[in-house]
Amino acid sequence: MPTGTLLIIDDEARLRQLLAQVLELEGYTVLQAPDAHRGLEVLQQHADDILLVLSDVKLPDGHGVDLLPRYKAIAPDAEVVLLTAFGTIPDGVKAMKLGAFDYLTKGDFEQQLVVVVDRAAEKARLRKRVTELERRMGQQHRFESMIGDSVELKRVQKLAQQVAPTDSTVLLEGPTGSGKELFAQAIHQASGRKSKNFVAVNCSAFPKDLLESELFGYKKGAFTGALTDKKGLLEEANGGTLFLDEIGELELNVQAKFLRVLEMQQFTKLGDTKPTNVNVRLVAATNRNLKQEATEGRFRPDLYYRLSVFTINVPPLKDRPADVAPLAQHFLQDFAAKLSKRLPGLEPDCLTMLQRYPWPGNVRELKNVLERAAILAPAGEPLAADFLPDEFHALGRPPKPGTDAADESLRAMEARHIGKLMGEQEGNKPEVAKRLGIGLTTLYRKLQEYGLEA
C-alpha cells in the first residue's frame, strides 16, 4: 500500500475532505489547507515529508499556476498536481512548463486521480532518494572527510581549499594511487559548481582512437558506424567539473583541441562544422613529470602552461607515514562491516609493519592489503601481522627488545605468566588469549617463541 504525506490546497471544503478520505484509504497521510497562504505555511512546516501538493488553480488569494514556482522553491523534491473546474489549454501548457506533474479538470478525474497521485508520489520518492544519495556522496568527498593528520596532507589540503572556490584549472601531480581523484572531487564539492556534474575520465583507459570521440562527441555520419549524434563527456560536464586523470596519455592532436577548450571554452565535434560552447572547469592529474615531457616534445608546452596555472603535488603514502594508522583503521572497519565480522583494531606488530612498508602502490595498495587481511583474519580478534602478504614479512618483523639482562628478565617473566595461565585454564587457548588481551594467532606465536605447548 502506498505511504507518504500529501498536501491538498483547495477552498472547497467538501471536495477537500472527499479527496482526503479517498487518499487516506489508499494509505497516504493527508494535510489540508483552505487557501494559498495557509497552504504555503503547511508546506514550509512539512517540506521534508510532503511528496505531492494537490492545488486548486483558483484559490481565494492566488492562482495555482502562479504559485507553482513557490511550491517548488519550498519543496523542490515534491511533485505538484493542479486541479481546476474549467481547464484551459494555455493554463495547462504553462503549468507543465513550470514543472507541474499533471493538470486535472475537476469532475473528470475520479477514475484517474489515484493513478496520477501514485505515479507522482513514486517519482517524488525516487527524487528524494537521489537527493539523499547526492548529499551523502557530497559529504564523502569533502576535504573534512579526508583521513589523515600528517603535516604533508594538511599542507596539500590547504592549497586545494584555497583554489577550490575559483574556476582556475588545477593540475594534480603525484604517483598512481595517492588520492588525486579524491582531491579532484573535494575541489568540485567546495566550488560553486558542486550542484552540477563531476565527470571523471581516465585517459589511459580508452583506446587512443576512441578517446577523442568520447571526449568531444561526434555528428551522425562523421565516420563509419556513427549512426546518430553523440554527446561527448565535455558536454556532460557542462556547468560542472571535468576531471582528466592521466592527462599525459592524450595524443598531441587531442591536446591541441583541449587547448582551445581551455582558452575559448568551445570545441568542434567530429564531423561538425560549427563549434560547441561549454562552461567547464578542468582538473587534470598525472603521474608523469609533464614539464619534462613538454621539454622532450611528448607533451605540448602551451597546453602544459595552461594546465599548470595551479599545480598541487599530492605526496605518496611513504612520505606521510603518520597517515598509515588512521587509514588502516578506517579500511579495516569498513571491510569488517562489509564482511559482517568484528575486527577490533590492529595488533602493535601489525601496525608497525604497515608503517615500515614503503607502499609503492600508495593508498590504493593499503586498501587492498587491508581487504585481504580482513577476509583472512578470525572474527573478534585484533588483526595480526600473520595475515599481511609475504612482502611485509620479507622486511622482517619489528625489532624485538634488546638482549640485555633487564629485557631477558621481562621476556622470562612473560613466558612464566603465559605458562601459568595455560595451566590455570587447562590449555584453553582462546581464554588465555582473552585474559592476555591479545589475538589467538599472537598467542600461538608466543607459545612457539617461548617453547611452551603450542
Protein backbone atom coordinates (compact mmCIF):
# COMPACT_ATOMS: atom_id res chain seq x y z
CA MET A 1 0.00 0.00 0.00
CA PRO A 2 1.35 3.49 -0.85
CA THR A 3 2.64 5.60 2.00
CA GLY A 4 3.73 9.20 2.30
CA THR A 5 2.40 12.66 3.04
CA LEU A 6 0.27 14.70 0.63
CA LEU A 7 -0.98 18.29 0.87
CA ILE A 8 -4.36 19.36 -0.57
CA ILE A 9 -4.88 23.10 -1.07
CA ASP A 10 -8.48 23.90 -2.06
CA ASP A 11 -11.08 26.39 -0.81
CA GLU A 12 -13.97 23.94 -1.40
CA ALA A 13 -14.14 22.23 1.99
CA ARG A 14 -16.44 19.42 0.85
CA LEU A 15 -14.23 18.47 -2.12
CA ARG A 16 -11.10 18.78 0.01
CA GLN A 17 -12.49 16.41 2.63
CA LEU A 18 -13.63 13.93 -0.02
CA LEU A 19 -10.21 13.87 -1.67
CA ALA A 20 -8.53 13.44 1.71
CA GLN A 21 -10.78 10.46 2.59
CA VAL A 22 -10.12 8.75 -0.73
CA LEU A 23 -6.36 9.19 -0.49
CA GLU A 24 -6.20 8.21 3.20
CA LEU A 25 -7.93 4.95 2.27
CA GLU A 26 -5.06 4.44 -0.19
CA GLY A 27 -2.57 4.66 2.68
CA TYR A 28 -1.45 8.30 2.45
CA THR A 29 -1.23 10.85 5.25
CA VAL A 30 -3.15 13.90 4.03
CA LEU A 31 -2.66 17.51 5.17
CA GLN A 32 -5.17 20.19 4.18
CA ALA A 33 -5.24 23.96 3.64
CA PRO A 34 -8.13 26.22 2.51
CA ASP A 35 -6.06 28.87 0.71
CA ALA A 36 -2.64 29.69 -0.69
CA HIS A 37 -1.40 31.49 2.43
CA ARG A 38 -2.14 28.58 4.75
CA GLY A 39 -1.01 26.08 2.12
CA LEU A 40 2.42 27.69 1.86
CA GLU A 41 2.72 27.70 5.66
CA VAL A 42 1.88 23.98 5.90
CA LEU A 43 4.26 23.19 3.04
CA GLN A 44 7.05 25.11 4.76
CA GLN A 45 6.47 23.21 8.02
CA HIS A 46 6.42 19.76 6.37
CA ALA A 47 8.66 20.31 3.30
CA ASP A 48 10.87 17.29 4.05
CA ASP A 49 7.90 14.91 4.30
CA ILE A 50 5.47 16.04 1.62
CA LEU A 51 5.65 14.05 -1.61
CA LEU A 52 2.84 15.75 -3.51
CA VAL A 53 0.88 19.01 -3.49
CA LEU A 54 -2.65 18.85 -4.93
CA SER A 55 -3.52 22.50 -5.51
CA ASP A 56 -6.65 24.16 -6.85
CA VAL A 57 -5.90 26.64 -9.65
CA LYS A 58 -8.35 29.32 -8.49
CA LEU A 59 -7.71 30.00 -4.82
CA PRO A 60 -9.13 32.97 -2.86
CA ASP A 61 -5.69 34.55 -2.52
CA GLY A 62 -3.74 33.27 -5.51
CA HIS A 63 -3.61 31.42 -8.81
CA GLY A 64 -2.30 27.84 -8.69
CA VAL A 65 -0.21 28.19 -11.85
CA ASP A 66 1.50 31.32 -10.50
CA LEU A 67 2.05 29.61 -7.15
CA LEU A 68 3.83 26.64 -8.76
CA PRO A 69 7.34 28.14 -8.56
CA ARG A 70 6.77 28.94 -4.86
CA TYR A 71 5.67 25.37 -4.15
CA LYS A 72 8.77 24.02 -5.92
CA ALA A 73 11.08 26.50 -4.19
CA ILE A 74 9.90 25.38 -0.74
CA ALA A 75 9.83 21.63 -1.52
CA PRO A 76 11.97 21.03 -4.63
CA ASP A 77 11.67 17.23 -4.40
CA ALA A 78 7.85 17.24 -4.17
CA GLU A 79 5.57 16.95 -7.19
CA VAL A 80 2.62 19.28 -7.89
CA VAL A 81 -0.72 18.35 -9.48
CA LEU A 82 -3.07 21.24 -10.29
CA LEU A 83 -6.86 20.90 -10.08
CA THR A 84 -9.27 23.17 -11.92
CA ALA A 85 -13.01 23.37 -12.51
CA PHE A 86 -12.54 24.80 -16.01
CA GLY A 87 -9.35 23.63 -17.64
CA THR A 88 -7.79 25.74 -20.38
CA ILE A 89 -5.06 24.66 -22.76
CA PRO A 90 -2.86 27.76 -22.11
CA ASP A 91 -3.00 27.19 -18.34
CA GLY A 92 -2.25 23.50 -18.79
CA VAL A 93 0.73 24.20 -21.04
CA LYS A 94 2.10 26.88 -18.70
CA ALA A 95 1.67 24.58 -15.68
CA MET A 96 3.62 21.76 -17.31
CA LYS A 97 6.39 24.16 -18.37
CA LEU A 98 6.69 25.37 -14.79
CA GLY A 99 7.16 21.82 -13.54
CA ALA A 100 3.67 20.52 -12.70
CA PHE A 101 3.38 16.74 -12.77
CA ASP A 102 -0.17 16.90 -14.16
CA TYR A 103 -3.15 19.22 -14.71
CA LEU A 104 -6.56 17.70 -13.94
CA THR A 105 -10.09 19.00 -14.50
CA LYS A 106 -12.46 18.56 -11.57
CA GLY A 107 -15.38 16.26 -12.30
CA ASP A 108 -13.38 14.24 -14.83
CA PHE A 109 -10.56 12.94 -12.66
CA GLU A 110 -12.33 10.42 -10.39
CA GLN A 111 -11.04 7.43 -12.35
CA GLN A 112 -7.50 8.73 -12.81
CA LEU A 113 -6.87 10.61 -9.53
CA VAL A 114 -5.41 7.71 -7.55
CA VAL A 115 -3.28 6.56 -10.51
CA VAL A 116 -1.89 10.06 -11.04
CA VAL A 117 -1.24 10.53 -7.31
CA ASP A 118 0.56 7.16 -7.05
CA ARG A 119 2.77 7.95 -10.05
CA ALA A 120 3.58 11.45 -8.81
CA ALA A 121 4.34 10.23 -5.28
CA GLU A 122 6.63 7.48 -6.59
CA LYS A 123 8.52 10.00 -8.72
CA ALA A 124 8.93 12.24 -5.66
CA ARG A 125 10.19 9.29 -3.58
CA LEU A 126 12.82 8.49 -6.21
CA ARG A 127 13.90 12.13 -6.37
CA LYS A 128 14.24 12.28 -2.58
CA ARG A 129 16.38 9.14 -2.64
CA VAL A 130 18.61 10.62 -5.33
CA THR A 131 18.92 13.87 -3.36
CA GLU A 132 19.88 11.92 -0.23
CA LEU A 133 22.46 9.85 -2.14
CA GLU A 134 23.93 13.01 -3.65
CA ARG A 135 24.09 14.57 -0.19
CA ARG A 136 25.92 11.54 1.18
CA MET A 137 28.29 11.46 -1.78
CA GLY A 138 28.99 15.15 -1.29
CA GLN A 139 29.84 14.54 2.36
CA GLN A 140 32.17 11.68 1.43
CA HIS A 141 34.09 13.90 -0.96
CA ARG A 142 34.64 16.91 1.27
CA PHE A 143 38.07 17.99 2.49
CA GLU A 144 36.87 17.40 6.06
CA SER A 145 36.22 13.74 5.22
CA MET A 146 39.81 13.07 4.18
CA ILE A 147 41.53 10.66 6.56
CA GLY A 148 44.94 11.61 7.93
CA ASP A 149 46.56 14.22 10.14
CA SER A 150 50.07 14.38 8.72
CA VAL A 151 51.67 17.76 8.10
CA GLU A 152 52.15 16.79 4.44
CA LEU A 153 48.46 16.04 3.91
CA LYS A 154 47.29 19.19 5.72
CA ARG A 155 49.59 21.34 3.58
CA VAL A 156 48.14 19.93 0.35
CA GLN A 157 44.57 20.23 1.67
CA LYS A 158 45.13 23.91 2.43
CA LEU A 159 46.31 24.59 -1.12
CA ALA A 160 43.36 22.71 -2.62
CA GLN A 161 40.87 24.53 -0.38
CA GLN A 162 42.28 27.88 -1.48
CA VAL A 163 41.87 27.16 -5.20
CA ALA A 164 38.56 25.25 -4.97
CA PRO A 165 36.18 28.28 -4.97
CA THR A 166 37.79 29.68 -8.12
CA ASP A 167 37.37 28.49 -11.71
CA SER A 168 41.13 28.10 -12.20
CA THR A 169 42.47 24.98 -13.90
CA VAL A 170 44.20 22.67 -11.41
CA LEU A 171 46.94 20.15 -12.17
CA LEU A 172 47.34 17.38 -9.58
CA GLU A 173 50.71 15.66 -9.70
CA GLY A 174 51.59 12.52 -7.80
CA PRO A 175 52.10 8.78 -8.13
CA THR A 176 49.29 6.39 -9.00
CA GLY A 177 47.05 5.54 -6.07
CA SER A 178 47.98 8.56 -3.95
CA GLY A 179 44.45 10.01 -3.93
CA LYS A 180 44.46 12.55 -6.78
CA GLU A 181 40.84 11.81 -7.76
CA LEU A 182 39.76 12.25 -4.13
CA PHE A 183 41.30 15.74 -4.20
CA ALA A 184 39.60 16.49 -7.53
CA GLN A 185 36.20 15.51 -6.10
CA ALA A 186 36.79 17.58 -2.96
CA ILE A 187 37.73 20.61 -5.10
CA HIS A 188 34.49 20.17 -7.05
CA GLN A 189 32.39 19.84 -3.89
CA ALA A 190 33.95 23.00 -2.42
CA SER A 191 33.30 25.01 -5.59
CA GLY A 192 30.28 26.87 -6.91
CA ARG A 193 29.82 24.03 -9.41
CA LYS A 194 29.02 21.32 -6.84
CA SER A 195 25.37 21.09 -7.91
CA LYS A 196 26.47 20.25 -11.47
CA ASN A 197 28.15 17.14 -12.87
CA PHE A 198 31.57 15.89 -11.86
CA VAL A 199 32.75 13.83 -14.85
CA ALA A 200 35.88 11.74 -14.37
CA VAL A 201 37.79 10.37 -17.36
CA ASN A 202 40.82 8.10 -17.12
CA CYS A 203 42.67 8.88 -20.35
CA SER A 204 44.69 5.66 -20.13
CA ALA A 205 41.53 3.52 -20.01
CA PHE A 206 40.39 4.37 -23.56
CA PRO A 207 41.97 3.20 -26.81
CA LYS A 208 43.67 6.24 -28.32
CA ASP A 209 41.48 6.16 -31.44
CA LEU A 210 38.29 6.30 -29.33
CA LEU A 211 39.28 8.85 -26.71
CA GLU A 212 38.74 11.88 -28.97
CA SER A 213 35.18 10.87 -29.87
CA GLU A 214 34.37 10.08 -26.22
CA LEU A 215 35.60 13.46 -25.06
CA PHE A 216 34.24 15.69 -27.82
CA GLY A 217 31.37 13.64 -29.24
CA TYR A 218 30.52 13.42 -32.94
CA LYS A 219 27.86 14.10 -35.53
CA LYS A 220 25.95 11.42 -37.36
CA GLY A 221 27.98 10.19 -40.35
CA ALA A 222 31.31 11.52 -39.00
CA PHE A 223 32.81 8.07 -39.57
CA THR A 224 31.71 4.53 -40.35
CA GLY A 225 29.44 3.40 -37.54
CA ALA A 226 28.42 6.90 -36.43
CA LEU A 227 24.71 6.25 -36.91
CA THR A 228 23.47 9.01 -34.57
CA ASP A 229 24.78 12.19 -32.98
CA LYS A 230 26.74 11.51 -29.78
CA LYS A 231 27.19 13.93 -26.89
CA GLY A 232 30.77 13.89 -25.59
CA LEU A 233 31.94 13.90 -21.98
CA LEU A 234 32.79 17.59 -22.25
CA GLU A 235 29.12 18.36 -22.82
CA GLU A 236 28.13 16.03 -19.98
CA ALA A 237 30.34 18.13 -17.69
CA ASN A 238 28.88 21.44 -18.91
CA GLY A 239 28.43 23.76 -15.93
CA GLY A 240 30.43 21.40 -13.72
CA THR A 241 33.91 19.91 -13.48
CA LEU A 242 35.77 17.64 -15.90
CA PHE A 243 38.48 15.54 -14.25
CA LEU A 244 41.05 14.18 -16.70
CA ASP A 245 43.15 11.53 -14.97
CA GLU A 246 46.46 10.55 -16.60
CA ILE A 247 46.24 13.51 -18.97
CA GLY A 248 49.75 12.72 -20.17
CA GLU A 249 48.22 9.90 -22.22
CA LEU A 250 46.44 12.35 -24.57
CA GLU A 251 47.77 12.31 -28.12
CA LEU A 252 49.18 15.58 -29.46
CA ASN A 253 46.25 16.28 -31.82
CA VAL A 254 43.77 15.85 -28.95
CA GLN A 255 45.94 18.08 -26.79
CA ALA A 256 45.58 20.84 -29.39
CA LYS A 257 41.77 20.57 -29.22
CA PHE A 258 41.86 20.71 -25.45
CA LEU A 259 43.99 23.82 -25.53
CA ARG A 260 41.14 25.53 -27.40
CA VAL A 261 38.66 24.33 -24.77
CA LEU A 262 40.76 25.95 -22.04
CA GLU A 263 41.26 29.18 -23.96
CA MET A 264 37.85 29.63 -25.64
CA GLN A 265 35.50 27.25 -23.78
CA GLN A 266 34.50 25.78 -27.13
CA PHE A 267 35.35 22.83 -29.36
CA THR A 268 34.25 21.24 -32.62
CA LYS A 269 32.77 17.76 -32.65
CA LEU A 270 33.97 15.18 -35.11
CA GLY A 271 32.06 15.66 -38.35
CA ASP A 272 30.68 19.07 -37.33
CA THR A 273 31.40 22.46 -38.90
CA LYS A 274 30.17 24.65 -36.06
CA PRO A 275 31.82 24.99 -32.64
CA THR A 276 30.05 23.86 -29.48
CA ASN A 277 30.26 26.15 -26.45
CA VAL A 278 30.71 24.76 -22.94
CA ASN A 279 31.31 26.09 -19.45
CA VAL A 280 33.65 23.59 -17.82
CA ARG A 281 36.21 23.73 -15.06
CA LEU A 282 39.14 21.39 -15.76
CA VAL A 283 41.02 19.48 -13.08
CA ALA A 284 43.77 17.28 -14.52
CA ALA A 285 46.02 14.68 -12.93
CA THR A 286 49.21 12.94 -13.93
CA ASN A 287 51.82 10.58 -12.51
CA ARG A 288 54.35 11.85 -15.03
CA ASN A 289 56.65 14.86 -14.99
CA LEU A 290 54.70 16.89 -17.58
CA LYS A 291 57.24 19.70 -17.57
CA GLN A 292 59.95 17.27 -18.65
CA GLU A 293 57.56 15.63 -21.14
CA ALA A 294 56.91 19.05 -22.67
CA THR A 295 60.63 19.81 -22.87
CA GLU A 296 61.25 16.49 -24.65
CA GLY A 297 58.38 17.01 -27.12
CA ARG A 298 55.98 14.38 -25.80
CA PHE A 299 53.51 16.94 -24.46
CA ARG A 300 52.50 20.33 -25.86
CA PRO A 301 54.31 23.08 -23.90
CA ASP A 302 51.43 25.56 -24.46
CA LEU A 303 48.92 23.09 -23.00
CA TYR A 304 51.23 22.34 -20.08
CA TYR A 305 51.47 26.02 -19.17
CA ARG A 306 47.69 26.37 -19.40
CA LEU A 307 47.22 23.30 -17.18
CA SER A 308 49.78 24.30 -14.59
CA VAL A 309 48.05 27.53 -13.55
CA PHE A 310 47.76 25.96 -10.10
CA THR A 311 49.80 22.81 -9.51
CA ILE A 312 49.34 20.63 -6.42
CA ASN A 313 51.75 17.81 -5.63
CA VAL A 314 49.88 15.02 -3.82
CA PRO A 315 52.50 13.24 -1.66
CA PRO A 316 52.87 9.44 -1.80
CA LEU A 317 51.93 7.46 1.28
CA LYS A 318 55.58 6.67 2.08
CA ASP A 319 56.14 10.40 2.64
CA ARG A 320 53.33 10.64 5.20
CA PRO A 321 53.70 7.58 7.49
CA ALA A 322 51.61 9.32 10.18
CA ASP A 323 48.55 8.72 7.98
CA VAL A 324 49.03 4.94 7.76
CA ALA A 325 47.44 4.19 11.15
CA PRO A 326 44.17 6.16 10.70
CA LEU A 327 43.81 4.96 7.10
CA ALA A 328 44.41 1.34 8.13
CA GLN A 329 41.87 1.58 10.96
CA HIS A 330 39.31 3.13 8.59
CA PHE A 331 39.75 0.50 5.88
CA LEU A 332 39.76 -2.37 8.39
CA GLN A 333 36.47 -1.28 9.96
CA ASP A 334 34.95 -0.63 6.54
CA PHE A 335 35.77 -4.14 5.34
CA ALA A 336 34.75 -5.67 8.68
CA ALA A 337 31.31 -4.09 8.27
CA LYS A 338 31.01 -5.38 4.70
CA LEU A 339 32.03 -8.88 5.82
CA SER A 340 29.76 -8.72 8.91
CA LYS A 341 32.82 -9.54 11.01
CA ARG A 342 34.01 -7.85 14.21
CA LEU A 343 37.70 -6.90 13.95
CA PRO A 344 38.73 -4.78 16.94
CA GLY A 345 41.73 -2.91 15.54
CA LEU A 346 45.29 -3.95 14.76
CA GLU A 347 47.94 -5.57 16.92
CA PRO A 348 51.01 -3.36 17.54
CA ASP A 349 53.31 -5.61 15.47
CA CYS A 350 50.90 -5.44 12.53
CA LEU A 351 50.62 -1.66 12.65
CA THR A 352 54.40 -1.28 12.92
CA MET A 353 54.90 -3.45 9.84
CA LEU A 354 52.34 -1.38 7.92
CA GLN A 355 54.16 1.82 8.88
CA ARG A 356 57.58 0.42 7.87
CA TYR A 357 56.41 -0.72 4.43
CA PRO A 358 57.32 1.66 1.52
CA TRP A 359 53.86 1.45 -0.17
CA PRO A 360 54.77 1.58 -3.87
CA GLY A 361 51.03 1.35 -4.66
CA ASN A 362 50.17 4.11 -2.15
CA VAL A 363 46.73 4.40 -0.51
CA ARG A 364 45.18 2.07 -3.09
CA GLU A 365 47.64 -0.68 -2.13
CA LEU A 366 46.98 -0.15 1.59
CA LYS A 367 43.25 -0.55 0.95
CA ASN A 368 43.81 -3.80 -0.97
CA VAL A 369 46.11 -5.20 1.74
CA LEU A 370 43.55 -4.47 4.47
CA GLU A 371 40.74 -6.05 2.44
CA ARG A 372 42.75 -9.28 2.07
CA ALA A 373 43.69 -9.28 5.76
CA ALA A 374 40.09 -8.66 6.84
CA ILE A 375 38.96 -11.72 4.83
CA LEU A 376 41.63 -13.97 6.39
CA ALA A 377 41.53 -12.74 9.99
CA PRO A 378 39.37 -14.56 12.58
CA ALA A 379 36.42 -12.57 13.90
CA GLY A 380 36.68 -10.99 17.32
CA GLU A 381 40.48 -10.67 17.34
CA PRO A 382 42.77 -7.74 16.57
CA LEU A 383 44.40 -8.05 13.17
CA ALA A 384 47.73 -9.86 13.48
CA ALA A 385 50.80 -9.40 11.29
CA ASP A 386 50.47 -13.04 10.15
CA PHE A 387 47.66 -12.02 7.79
CA LEU A 388 49.75 -9.50 5.88
CA PRO A 389 51.16 -10.54 2.46
CA ASP A 390 54.61 -12.13 2.10
CA GLU A 391 56.31 -8.89 1.04
CA PHE A 392 55.73 -7.49 4.53
CA HIS A 393 57.38 -10.48 6.17
CA ALA A 394 60.33 -10.17 3.79
CA LEU A 395 61.14 -6.92 5.62
CA GLY A 396 61.42 -8.88 8.87
CA ARG A 397 59.36 -8.45 11.98
CA PRO A 398 59.73 -5.25 14.00
CA PRO A 399 62.85 -5.35 16.21
CA LYS A 400 62.29 -7.16 19.47
CA PRO A 401 63.56 -5.78 22.79
CA GLY A 402 67.33 -5.83 23.26
CA THR A 403 69.16 -8.72 24.81
CA ASP A 404 70.38 -7.02 27.95
CA ALA A 405 69.61 -8.58 31.32
CA ALA A 406 66.56 -6.42 32.00
CA ASP A 407 64.95 -7.34 28.67
CA GLU A 408 65.70 -11.02 29.17
CA SER A 409 64.14 -10.81 32.60
CA LEU A 410 60.94 -9.29 31.15
CA ARG A 411 60.73 -11.97 28.48
CA ALA A 412 61.21 -14.69 31.08
CA MET A 413 58.51 -13.09 33.23
CA GLU A 414 56.09 -13.03 30.26
CA ALA A 415 56.87 -16.67 29.46
CA ARG A 416 56.21 -17.70 33.09
CA HIS A 417 52.96 -15.72 33.14
CA ILE A 418 51.69 -17.32 29.92
CA GLY A 419 52.70 -20.77 31.17
CA LYS A 420 50.85 -20.16 34.45
CA LEU A 421 47.70 -19.04 32.61
CA MET A 422 47.87 -22.08 30.33
CA GLY A 423 47.94 -24.29 33.40
CA GLU A 424 45.12 -22.49 35.16
CA GLN A 425 42.92 -22.60 32.06
CA GLU A 426 43.86 -26.23 31.32
CA GLY A 427 45.24 -25.32 27.90
CA ASN A 428 42.17 -23.30 26.82
CA LYS A 429 44.00 -21.04 24.38
CA PRO A 430 41.07 -18.73 23.45
CA GLU A 431 40.53 -17.97 27.15
CA VAL A 432 44.27 -17.39 27.72
CA ALA A 433 44.42 -15.04 24.73
CA LYS A 434 41.38 -13.17 26.07
CA ARG A 435 42.98 -12.75 29.51
CA LEU A 436 46.22 -11.52 27.95
CA GLY A 437 44.34 -9.10 25.68
CA ILE A 438 45.94 -10.47 22.51
CA GLY A 439 44.72 -12.35 19.46
CA LEU A 440 44.78 -16.13 19.28
CA THR A 441 47.29 -16.01 16.42
CA THR A 442 49.67 -13.91 18.54
CA LEU A 443 49.30 -16.35 21.44
CA TYR A 444 50.29 -19.30 19.21
CA ARG A 445 53.36 -17.35 18.10
CA LYS A 446 54.38 -16.59 21.69
CA LEU A 447 53.87 -20.22 22.75
CA GLN A 448 56.23 -21.30 19.97
CA GLU A 449 58.70 -18.50 20.76
CA TYR A 450 58.91 -19.43 24.45
CA GLY A 451 58.93 -23.17 23.82
CA LEU A 452 55.58 -23.68 25.55
CA GLU A 453 52.88 -26.07 24.38
CA ALA A 454 51.53 -24.83 21.02
